[in-house]
Amino acid sequence: MSFPSTSRPLGLLLALTALAVPAHAQSGLDDLAGGLAAESKEALAASEARVKAWFANPEVQALKSRADGGSASAQVAFGDKMRTDLLGESWSREKIQQQMLKYYSLAMEQNEGLAFARVGEIAESPDDSWKMFRARDRGEALSYYEKGAALGNRDAVAGYLRIALDPNYCSFCEDQGELKYDFEKLKATTLFDKGPGEHSIAYRTEKTEALTKAIKYATPVRLRPGDAAAHLLAAKYLTGVQYPWRAGVGISKSQSPRWQSLAGDYLLQRDTAKAIEILTELSMRGDNLASRKLASLYFTGRNDGGGAVLRDYDKYIFYMKRAVDNGSVLAANDLGFELLSGRKLPANHPLGFEYIAKAALKGYGPAELSAGYALRDGRGVTQNDAQALEMFKRAADHGELDGAVQAAAMYRAGRGTTSGRVEVPNAYAYEKKAEAMRKLTPAMAELVRRGHQDKFE
């Protein structure tokens, strides 16, 4: 992938934007008068119509008015809306980018941490970079994330932590997914005429310093539910982050004393206890994902070098029940399934069905399928073919292949039908639905399932 030679760093674009546009300019479409892309007239006309319709929307105009009035939160929100709805449009592409960055810049002038996080995301994102015809620059992203993190914004903290914990990134690396030192970047540093040992020491020193800052930012006194930075740090403590083999080459005898304090296989050591500490606090604050992660740890147990966790089904039930009581559909489904199946937990069919029903009544496909089986077979609940058929049909409508298969089978057997007899047309309809599902590629089938399941917590 190549980019125009005119591609400029976001920092420069932000500076130029601040100079080019008055701080509280009221214009909308007037500022988008130029910068037409070399595309077909039809495509360009369609893009122009979309942009004009967007700006004509009363809600957009109201948000823009608040942003122009000086509200930092509205400035970020308006920048976000432009980024989501307009970034990548061919009509006045550069002017759209300038307007978006203008509003983020105005918010940054007011020390709005979220604005720094957003600009960091744009610099880091391959998708946004592609739409803006510029190369991704994670070094630039890191600098914006750090400014936002210092202001206490948790999105910025998550971004800073994400880059700091990537062992393939450093300020003088190629940043292409593998640790390699970049010739041009080295030329801009004092490392250019140094040997590989100095490069290794500089790399490890930089990563260690960045990690120290990242952990400090990511561990505030009080965590809030859904904190992405805390979840990321906990996940990395569970796995550890290893250095690539290239990170320690070329150390000479004279460099060995300096190297000893940096040597080791891990950028971040595995530490199950710290992960559990973070997840436990999140769980106590009402974070359902943290509760489910803790439950999973105690369900399987763990002993992989980061500290042992003994399998404990009582703790599994405790954390899953906490998530269920806090409204988690996924926890209700998983706990109900384990109690119904009795695979590892002692089977408790009535209680298992109670939990499955909670998830099924929320429209969660896998739970609807399990509820269908339980109702059909009378497991944990009074046997009821009509309700079982309804559950199978709902599961099929939510992408569950077995739901369509079972619904078809019940129609062919005349079980649960409104007429009390075999209903071939309905059976055929669900057989066709099942056939269509089988024709999906595994990737597409998973996409359909995820599209449904991602709606639930």
Protein backbone atom coordinates (compact mmCIF):
# COMPACT_ATOMS: atom_id res chain seq x y z
CA MET A 1 0.00 0.00 0.00
CA SER A 2 1.41 3.38 -0.98
CA PHE A 3 0.45 6.89 -0.02
CA PRO A 4 0.89 10.23 -1.76
CA SER A 5 4.17 12.01 -1.16
CA THR A 6 2.16 14.89 0.30
CA SER A 7 1.10 12.75 3.28
CA ARG A 8 1.83 14.77 6.42
CA PRO A 9 1.90 13.94 10.14
CA LEU A 10 -1.34 14.53 12.00
CA GLY A 11 0.41 17.01 14.27
CA LEU A 12 1.22 19.21 11.28
CA LEU A 13 -2.29 18.82 9.89
CA LEU A 14 -3.74 19.85 13.25
CA ALA A 15 -1.48 22.90 13.39
CA LEU A 16 -2.39 23.94 9.85
CA THR A 17 -6.07 23.36 10.60
CA ALA A 18 -5.94 25.59 13.69
CA LEU A 19 -4.36 28.37 11.63
CA ALA A 20 -6.66 27.99 8.64
CA VAL A 21 -10.01 27.93 10.45
CA PRO A 22 -11.31 30.48 12.98
CA ALA A 23 -11.87 28.94 16.41
CA HIS A 24 -15.65 29.39 16.32
CA ALA A 25 -16.35 29.43 12.58
CA GLN A 26 -20.07 28.99 11.92
CA SER A 27 -19.73 27.75 8.35
CA GLY A 28 -20.40 24.14 7.42
CA LEU A 29 -20.66 23.41 3.73
CA ASP A 30 -18.93 26.69 2.86
CA ASP A 31 -15.68 25.27 4.26
CA LEU A 32 -15.98 22.18 2.04
CA ALA A 33 -15.84 23.99 -1.28
CA GLY A 34 -12.69 22.40 -2.76
CA GLY A 35 -10.54 19.29 -2.79
CA LEU A 36 -12.54 17.23 -5.27
CA ALA A 37 -11.10 13.77 -5.84
CA ALA A 38 -10.38 12.42 -9.29
CA GLU A 39 -13.28 9.97 -9.42
CA SER A 40 -16.20 9.35 -11.73
CA LYS A 41 -18.76 12.14 -11.98
CA GLU A 42 -21.50 9.81 -10.79
CA ALA A 43 -19.59 8.69 -7.70
CA LEU A 44 -18.54 12.23 -6.92
CA ALA A 45 -22.10 13.51 -7.29
CA ALA A 46 -23.39 10.78 -4.99
CA SER A 47 -20.73 11.64 -2.41
CA GLU A 48 -21.58 15.33 -2.64
CA ALA A 49 -25.26 14.57 -2.07
CA ARG A 50 -24.46 12.47 1.02
CA VAL A 51 -22.24 15.18 2.52
CA LYS A 52 -24.78 17.95 1.88
CA ALA A 53 -27.60 15.85 3.32
CA TRP A 54 -25.48 15.12 6.37
CA PHE A 55 -24.83 18.80 7.03
CA ALA A 56 -28.49 19.64 6.46
CA ASN A 57 -29.60 17.26 9.22
CA PRO A 58 -31.05 19.34 12.11
CA GLU A 59 -29.39 17.13 14.73
CA VAL A 60 -26.00 17.62 13.06
CA GLN A 61 -26.53 21.36 12.91
CA ALA A 62 -27.52 21.46 16.58
CA LEU A 63 -24.42 19.50 17.60
CA LYS A 64 -22.23 21.74 15.44
CA SER A 65 -23.74 24.83 17.04
CA ARG A 66 -22.82 23.56 20.51
CA ALA A 67 -19.32 22.73 19.31
CA ASP A 68 -18.87 26.18 17.75
CA GLY A 69 -20.13 27.66 21.00
CA GLY A 70 -17.07 26.30 22.77
CA SER A 71 -18.26 23.06 24.43
CA ALA A 72 -15.28 20.68 24.48
CA SER A 73 -17.50 17.61 24.80
CA ALA A 74 -19.59 18.76 21.83
CA GLN A 75 -16.43 19.43 19.83
CA VAL A 76 -15.26 15.85 20.40
CA ALA A 77 -18.74 14.50 19.65
CA PHE A 78 -18.94 16.48 16.40
CA GLY A 79 -15.46 15.33 15.39
CA ASP A 80 -16.50 11.74 16.18
CA LYS A 81 -19.63 12.06 14.06
CA MET A 82 -17.65 13.40 11.11
CA ARG A 83 -15.14 10.59 11.53
CA THR A 84 -17.86 7.94 11.60
CA ASP A 85 -20.15 9.32 8.90
CA LEU A 86 -17.97 11.30 6.48
CA LEU A 87 -14.35 10.17 6.67
CA GLY A 88 -13.56 8.50 3.36
CA GLU A 89 -16.11 10.44 1.31
CA SER A 90 -14.59 11.45 -2.02
CA TRP A 91 -16.25 14.87 -2.25
CA SER A 92 -14.08 17.48 -0.49
CA ARG A 93 -12.11 14.73 1.24
CA GLU A 94 -9.33 17.01 2.49
CA LYS A 95 -11.72 19.67 3.73
CA ILE A 96 -13.71 17.06 5.64
CA GLN A 97 -10.51 15.88 7.31
CA GLN A 98 -9.57 19.47 8.17
CA GLN A 99 -12.94 20.14 9.75
CA MET A 100 -12.83 16.93 11.77
CA LEU A 101 -9.33 17.69 13.04
CA LYS A 102 -10.29 21.30 13.74
CA TYR A 103 -12.90 20.24 16.29
CA TYR A 104 -10.55 17.78 17.96
CA SER A 105 -7.91 20.51 18.06
CA LEU A 106 -10.33 22.97 19.68
CA ALA A 107 -11.14 20.38 22.35
CA MET A 108 -7.46 19.66 22.95
CA GLU A 109 -6.86 23.37 23.54
CA GLN A 110 -9.29 22.98 26.46
CA ASN A 111 -7.37 19.95 27.78
CA GLU A 112 -10.14 17.52 26.88
CA GLY A 113 -8.40 14.16 27.31
CA LEU A 114 -10.82 12.33 25.04
CA ALA A 115 -9.80 14.54 22.11
CA PHE A 116 -6.17 13.43 22.52
CA ALA A 117 -7.38 9.82 22.60
CA ARG A 118 -9.35 10.30 19.38
CA VAL A 119 -6.43 11.81 17.48
CA GLY A 120 -4.26 8.97 18.78
CA GLU A 121 -6.79 6.47 17.44
CA ILE A 122 -6.74 8.15 14.02
CA ALA A 123 -2.93 8.03 13.90
CA GLU A 124 -2.92 4.38 14.99
CA SER A 125 -5.82 3.07 12.90
CA PRO A 126 -4.93 1.48 9.54
CA ASP A 127 -8.52 2.04 8.39
CA ASP A 128 -8.54 5.75 9.23
CA SER A 129 -5.06 6.15 7.74
CA TRP A 130 -6.24 4.55 4.50
CA LYS A 131 -9.25 6.87 4.32
CA MET A 132 -6.99 9.87 4.89
CA PHE A 133 -4.34 8.76 2.36
CA ARG A 134 -1.58 8.77 4.93
CA ALA A 135 0.60 6.15 6.58
CA ARG A 136 -0.21 4.85 10.04
CA ASP A 137 2.09 6.38 12.64
CA ARG A 138 2.01 4.69 16.03
CA GLY A 139 4.80 6.92 17.33
CA GLU A 140 2.53 9.90 16.80
CA ALA A 141 -0.38 7.95 18.27
CA LEU A 142 1.64 7.16 21.38
CA SER A 143 2.43 10.84 21.97
CA TYR A 144 -1.25 11.81 21.79
CA TYR A 145 -2.28 8.87 23.97
CA GLU A 146 0.28 9.90 26.58
CA LYS A 147 -1.07 13.46 26.70
CA GLY A 148 -4.63 12.16 27.09
CA ALA A 149 -3.53 9.61 29.70
CA ALA A 150 -1.82 12.34 31.73
CA LEU A 151 -5.19 14.14 31.74
CA GLY A 152 -6.84 11.00 33.12
CA ASN A 153 -8.72 9.84 30.03
CA ARG A 154 -9.09 6.05 30.14
CA ASP A 155 -9.46 5.63 26.36
CA ALA A 156 -6.08 7.31 26.00
CA VAL A 157 -4.64 5.09 28.74
CA ALA A 158 -5.85 1.99 26.88
CA GLY A 159 -4.23 3.24 23.67
CA TYR A 160 -0.93 4.02 25.39
CA LEU A 161 -0.92 0.62 27.09
CA ARG A 162 -1.74 -1.17 23.84
CA ILE A 163 1.27 0.29 22.02
CA ALA A 164 3.63 0.10 25.00
CA LEU A 165 2.86 -3.61 25.39
CA ASP A 166 3.49 -4.39 21.72
CA PRO A 167 7.02 -5.87 21.67
CA ASN A 168 7.33 -5.17 17.94
CA TYR A 169 6.97 -1.41 18.34
CA CYS A 170 9.66 1.12 19.24
CA SER A 171 10.38 4.68 18.15
CA PHE A 172 13.08 3.52 15.74
CA CYS A 173 11.38 0.33 14.53
CA GLU A 174 9.77 -0.32 11.14
CA ASP A 175 6.37 -0.90 12.76
CA GLN A 176 5.34 -3.51 10.21
CA GLY A 177 4.28 -6.28 12.60
CA GLU A 178 7.77 -7.66 13.22
CA LEU A 179 10.62 -6.22 15.24
CA LYS A 180 13.04 -4.64 12.77
CA TYR A 181 14.98 -1.43 13.20
CA ASP A 182 14.20 1.24 10.63
CA PHE A 183 17.17 2.70 8.74
CA GLU A 184 15.61 6.13 8.21
CA LYS A 185 14.43 6.43 11.80
CA LEU A 186 17.85 5.41 13.09
CA LYS A 187 19.40 8.19 11.00
CA ALA A 188 17.37 10.69 13.00
CA THR A 189 18.81 9.42 16.29
CA THR A 190 22.22 9.08 17.91
CA LEU A 191 21.96 5.33 17.29
CA PHE A 192 22.64 5.49 13.57
CA ASP A 193 26.36 4.78 13.75
CA LYS A 194 26.03 2.37 16.68
CA GLY A 195 26.19 -1.41 16.56
CA PRO A 196 23.40 -3.96 17.16
CA GLY A 197 24.22 -4.22 20.86
CA GLU A 198 23.48 -0.53 21.39
CA HIS A 199 20.27 -0.93 19.39
CA SER A 200 19.20 -3.79 21.66
CA ILE A 201 19.96 -1.81 24.81
CA ALA A 202 18.15 1.28 23.51
CA TYR A 203 15.13 -0.83 22.50
CA ARG A 204 14.84 -2.52 25.88
CA THR A 205 15.38 0.72 27.77
CA GLU A 206 12.64 2.44 25.79
CA LYS A 207 10.18 -0.43 26.21
CA THR A 208 10.86 -0.67 29.96
CA GLU A 209 10.29 3.05 30.47
CA ALA A 210 7.11 3.02 28.39
CA LEU A 211 5.78 -0.02 30.26
CA THR A 212 6.43 1.62 33.64
CA LYS A 213 4.39 4.64 32.57
CA ALA A 214 1.67 2.47 31.09
CA ILE A 215 1.18 0.44 34.28
CA LYS A 216 1.10 3.64 36.34
CA TYR A 217 -1.58 5.11 34.07
CA ALA A 218 -3.56 1.87 33.97
CA THR A 219 -3.81 1.31 37.74
CA PRO A 220 -5.69 4.27 39.28
CA VAL A 221 -7.00 4.26 42.82
CA ARG A 222 -10.54 3.37 41.73
CA LEU A 223 -11.45 1.42 38.60
CA ARG A 224 -14.74 1.81 36.79
CA PRO A 225 -16.74 -0.96 35.08
CA GLY A 226 -15.81 -1.55 31.46
CA ASP A 227 -12.35 -0.01 31.79
CA ALA A 228 -10.55 -1.17 28.63
CA ALA A 229 -7.08 -0.37 29.96
CA ALA A 230 -7.60 -2.44 33.11
CA HIS A 231 -8.97 -5.37 31.10
CA LEU A 232 -6.03 -5.21 28.71
CA LEU A 233 -3.48 -5.11 31.52
CA ALA A 234 -5.16 -8.05 33.29
CA ALA A 235 -5.16 -10.06 30.06
CA LYS A 236 -1.46 -9.38 29.50
CA TYR A 237 -0.62 -10.36 33.09
CA LEU A 238 -2.30 -13.71 32.41
CA THR A 239 -0.25 -14.43 29.29
CA GLY A 240 2.85 -12.35 29.79
CA VAL A 241 4.46 -10.42 26.93
CA GLN A 242 7.63 -11.96 25.52
CA TYR A 243 10.41 -10.12 23.79
CA PRO A 244 11.17 -11.16 20.19
CA TRP A 245 14.46 -12.99 19.70
CA ARG A 246 15.88 -9.95 17.88
CA ALA A 247 15.61 -7.87 21.05
CA GLY A 248 18.87 -9.14 22.53
CA VAL A 249 21.36 -9.59 19.71
CA GLY A 250 24.84 -8.16 19.46
CA ILE A 251 25.65 -7.54 23.14
CA SER A 252 29.39 -7.25 23.62
CA LYS A 253 31.40 -7.90 26.77
CA SER A 254 31.77 -4.19 27.45
CA GLN A 255 27.98 -3.75 27.15
CA SER A 256 27.19 -6.71 29.39
CA PRO A 257 26.97 -4.77 32.69
CA ARG A 258 24.34 -2.42 31.25
CA TRP A 259 22.55 -5.34 29.63
CA GLN A 260 22.16 -7.40 32.80
CA SER A 261 19.53 -5.07 34.27
CA LEU A 262 17.52 -5.31 31.02
CA ALA A 263 17.97 -8.98 30.16
CA GLY A 264 15.11 -11.48 30.34
CA ASP A 265 12.55 -13.16 28.14
CA TYR A 266 9.56 -11.03 29.13
CA LEU A 267 8.65 -7.40 28.63
CA LEU A 268 5.79 -8.08 31.07
CA GLN A 269 6.08 -11.10 33.33
CA ARG A 270 3.11 -13.41 33.80
CA ASP A 271 1.42 -12.62 37.09
CA THR A 272 -1.90 -14.36 37.66
CA ALA A 273 -2.30 -12.81 41.11
CA LYS A 274 -2.15 -9.26 39.70
CA ALA A 275 -4.60 -10.19 36.95
CA ILE A 276 -7.04 -11.56 39.53
CA GLU A 277 -6.59 -8.44 41.66
CA ILE A 278 -7.57 -6.19 38.75
CA LEU A 279 -10.47 -8.38 37.66
CA THR A 280 -11.76 -8.73 41.21
CA GLU A 281 -11.94 -4.97 41.67
CA LEU A 282 -13.70 -4.56 38.32
CA SER A 283 -16.13 -7.33 39.25
CA MET A 284 -16.89 -5.64 42.58
CA ARG A 285 -17.70 -2.45 40.64
CA GLY A 286 -20.29 -4.30 38.56
CA ASP A 287 -18.18 -5.22 35.51
CA ASN A 288 -19.84 -8.33 34.07
CA LEU A 289 -16.99 -9.19 31.72
CA ALA A 290 -14.55 -9.21 34.64
CA SER A 291 -16.89 -11.47 36.60
CA ARG A 292 -17.12 -13.88 33.68
CA LYS A 293 -13.33 -13.88 33.24
CA LEU A 294 -12.84 -14.70 36.91
CA ALA A 295 -15.44 -17.45 36.67
CA SER A 296 -13.62 -18.91 33.67
CA LEU A 297 -10.31 -18.94 35.56
CA TYR A 298 -11.85 -20.86 38.46
CA PHE A 299 -13.76 -23.18 36.12
CA THR A 300 -10.65 -24.40 34.31
CA GLY A 301 -7.91 -23.73 36.85
CA ARG A 302 -4.52 -22.41 35.76
CA ASN A 303 -0.86 -23.26 36.32
CA ASP A 304 1.27 -22.00 33.46
CA GLY A 305 4.12 -20.18 35.14
CA GLY A 306 2.29 -17.06 36.24
CA GLY A 307 0.98 -18.53 39.49
CA ALA A 308 -1.44 -21.36 40.13
CA VAL A 309 -5.21 -21.01 40.32
CA LEU A 310 -6.98 -24.05 41.69
CA ARG A 311 -10.19 -25.17 40.04
CA ASP A 312 -13.03 -24.02 42.25
CA TYR A 313 -16.60 -24.58 41.03
CA ASP A 314 -18.09 -22.71 44.00
CA LYS A 315 -16.18 -19.57 42.96
CA TYR A 316 -17.20 -20.19 39.35
CA ILE A 317 -20.88 -20.19 40.38
CA PHE A 318 -20.35 -17.17 42.64
CA TYR A 319 -18.91 -14.97 39.90
CA MET A 320 -21.30 -16.18 37.22
CA LYS A 321 -24.27 -15.56 39.51
CA ARG A 322 -22.92 -12.07 40.25
CA ALA A 323 -22.86 -11.34 36.52
CA VAL A 324 -26.34 -12.82 36.04
CA ASP A 325 -27.74 -10.73 38.88
CA ASN A 326 -26.17 -7.71 37.19
CA GLY A 327 -28.00 -8.48 33.94
CA SER A 328 -25.50 -10.57 31.97
CA VAL A 329 -27.28 -12.69 29.37
CA LEU A 330 -24.06 -14.50 28.46
CA ALA A 331 -23.42 -15.52 32.07
CA ALA A 332 -27.00 -16.76 32.44
CA ASN A 333 -26.63 -18.88 29.31
CA ASP A 334 -23.24 -20.35 30.25
CA LEU A 335 -24.15 -21.10 33.87
CA GLY A 336 -27.49 -22.57 32.85
CA PHE A 337 -25.84 -24.78 30.23
CA GLU A 338 -23.33 -26.17 32.73
CA LEU A 339 -26.03 -26.92 35.31
CA LEU A 340 -28.24 -28.56 32.68
CA SER A 341 -25.48 -30.64 31.12
CA GLY A 342 -23.71 -31.69 34.32
CA ARG A 343 -20.44 -31.97 32.40
CA LYS A 344 -18.31 -30.66 35.24
CA LEU A 345 -20.68 -29.16 37.77
CA PRO A 346 -23.13 -31.43 39.55
CA ALA A 347 -26.26 -31.34 37.39
CA ASN A 348 -29.13 -29.21 38.67
CA HIS A 349 -31.72 -29.29 35.91
CA PRO A 350 -34.37 -26.99 37.46
CA LEU A 351 -31.82 -24.32 38.36
CA GLY A 352 -30.07 -24.76 35.01
CA PHE A 353 -33.31 -24.22 33.11
CA GLU A 354 -34.07 -21.16 35.24
CA TYR A 355 -30.82 -19.53 34.12
CA ILE A 356 -31.22 -20.65 30.50
CA ALA A 357 -34.73 -19.18 30.47
CA LYS A 358 -33.38 -15.80 31.62
CA ALA A 359 -31.11 -15.67 28.56
CA ALA A 360 -33.69 -17.14 26.18
CA LEU A 361 -36.30 -14.57 27.15
CA LYS A 362 -33.79 -11.87 26.17
CA GLY A 363 -33.60 -13.35 22.67
CA TYR A 364 -30.17 -15.00 22.91
CA GLY A 365 -30.01 -17.71 20.24
CA PRO A 366 -27.87 -20.37 22.00
CA ALA A 367 -30.06 -20.11 25.09
CA GLU A 368 -33.21 -20.42 22.99
CA LEU A 369 -31.79 -23.63 21.50
CA SER A 370 -30.97 -25.06 24.94
CA ALA A 371 -34.41 -24.07 26.22
CA GLY A 372 -35.97 -25.84 23.25
CA TYR A 373 -34.20 -29.10 24.08
CA ALA A 374 -35.11 -28.81 27.78
CA LEU A 375 -38.79 -28.14 27.03
CA ARG A 376 -38.95 -30.90 24.44
CA ASP A 377 -37.38 -33.48 26.77
CA GLY A 378 -38.82 -32.23 30.07
CA ARG A 379 -35.39 -31.65 31.59
CA GLY A 380 -35.61 -29.23 34.50
CA VAL A 381 -39.07 -28.09 33.41
CA THR A 382 -42.45 -29.59 32.58
CA GLN A 383 -42.35 -31.08 29.09
CA ASN A 384 -44.07 -28.78 26.56
CA ASP A 385 -43.78 -29.44 22.82
CA ALA A 386 -45.47 -26.19 21.76
CA GLN A 387 -43.06 -24.06 23.74
CA ALA A 388 -40.13 -26.20 22.61
CA LEU A 389 -41.06 -25.66 18.96
CA GLU A 390 -41.32 -21.92 19.54
CA MET A 391 -37.87 -21.85 21.12
CA PHE A 392 -36.34 -23.84 18.24
CA LYS A 393 -37.90 -21.44 15.73
CA ARG A 394 -36.55 -18.41 17.56
CA ALA A 395 -33.11 -20.00 17.77
CA ALA A 396 -33.20 -20.65 14.01
CA ASP A 397 -34.15 -17.03 13.38
CA HIS A 398 -31.07 -16.03 15.40
CA GLY A 399 -28.66 -18.07 13.32
CA GLU A 400 -28.66 -21.42 15.15
CA LEU A 401 -28.49 -24.27 12.61
CA ASP A 402 -29.68 -26.89 15.11
CA GLY A 403 -32.69 -24.71 15.88
CA ALA A 404 -33.81 -24.94 12.24
CA VAL A 405 -33.12 -28.70 12.15
CA GLN A 406 -35.10 -29.37 15.32
CA ALA A 407 -37.99 -27.11 14.29
CA ALA A 408 -38.25 -28.97 10.97
CA ALA A 409 -38.17 -32.33 12.77
CA MET A 410 -40.96 -31.31 15.16
CA TYR A 411 -43.16 -30.06 12.31
CA ARG A 412 -42.64 -33.38 10.47
CA ALA A 413 -43.50 -35.30 13.62
CA GLY A 414 -46.51 -33.14 14.39
CA ARG A 415 -45.11 -32.23 17.80
CA GLY A 416 -46.08 -28.85 19.22
CA THR A 417 -47.91 -27.72 16.08
CA THR A 418 -51.02 -25.57 16.38
CA SER A 419 -53.04 -28.15 14.44
CA GLY A 420 -51.74 -31.07 16.44
CA ARG A 421 -50.82 -32.77 13.14
CA VAL A 422 -47.84 -33.01 10.79
CA GLU A 423 -47.24 -29.69 9.00
CA VAL A 424 -45.11 -30.46 5.93
CA PRO A 425 -44.96 -26.89 4.48
CA ASN A 426 -43.59 -25.50 7.74
CA ALA A 427 -41.17 -28.42 8.03
CA TYR A 428 -39.98 -27.73 4.49
CA ALA A 429 -39.49 -24.03 5.26
CA TYR A 430 -37.18 -24.79 8.18
CA GLU A 431 -35.35 -27.48 6.21
CA LYS A 432 -34.63 -24.84 3.57
CA LYS A 433 -33.44 -22.46 6.29
CA ALA A 434 -31.10 -25.16 7.61
CA GLU A 435 -29.84 -25.86 4.09
CA ALA A 436 -29.06 -22.17 3.57
CA MET A 437 -27.13 -22.07 6.85
CA ARG A 438 -25.06 -25.11 5.85
CA LYS A 439 -24.06 -23.40 2.61
CA LEU A 440 -22.43 -20.54 4.51
CA THR A 441 -18.66 -20.68 4.71
CA PRO A 442 -17.34 -21.22 8.25
CA ALA A 443 -16.14 -17.61 8.32
CA MET A 444 -19.52 -16.26 7.20
CA ALA A 445 -21.40 -18.52 9.63
CA GLU A 446 -19.23 -17.24 12.46
CA LEU A 447 -19.83 -13.67 11.33
CA VAL A 448 -23.59 -14.22 11.45
CA ARG A 449 -23.38 -15.78 14.91
CA ARG A 450 -21.14 -13.01 16.22
CA GLY A 451 -23.43 -10.36 14.74
CA HIS A 452 -26.21 -11.77 16.91
CA GLN A 453 -24.21 -12.67 20.01
CA ASP A 454 -22.25 -9.42 20.23
CA LYS A 455 -25.47 -7.62 21.10
CA PHE A 456 -25.49 -9.28 24.49
CA GLU A 457 -23.54 -8.98 27.73
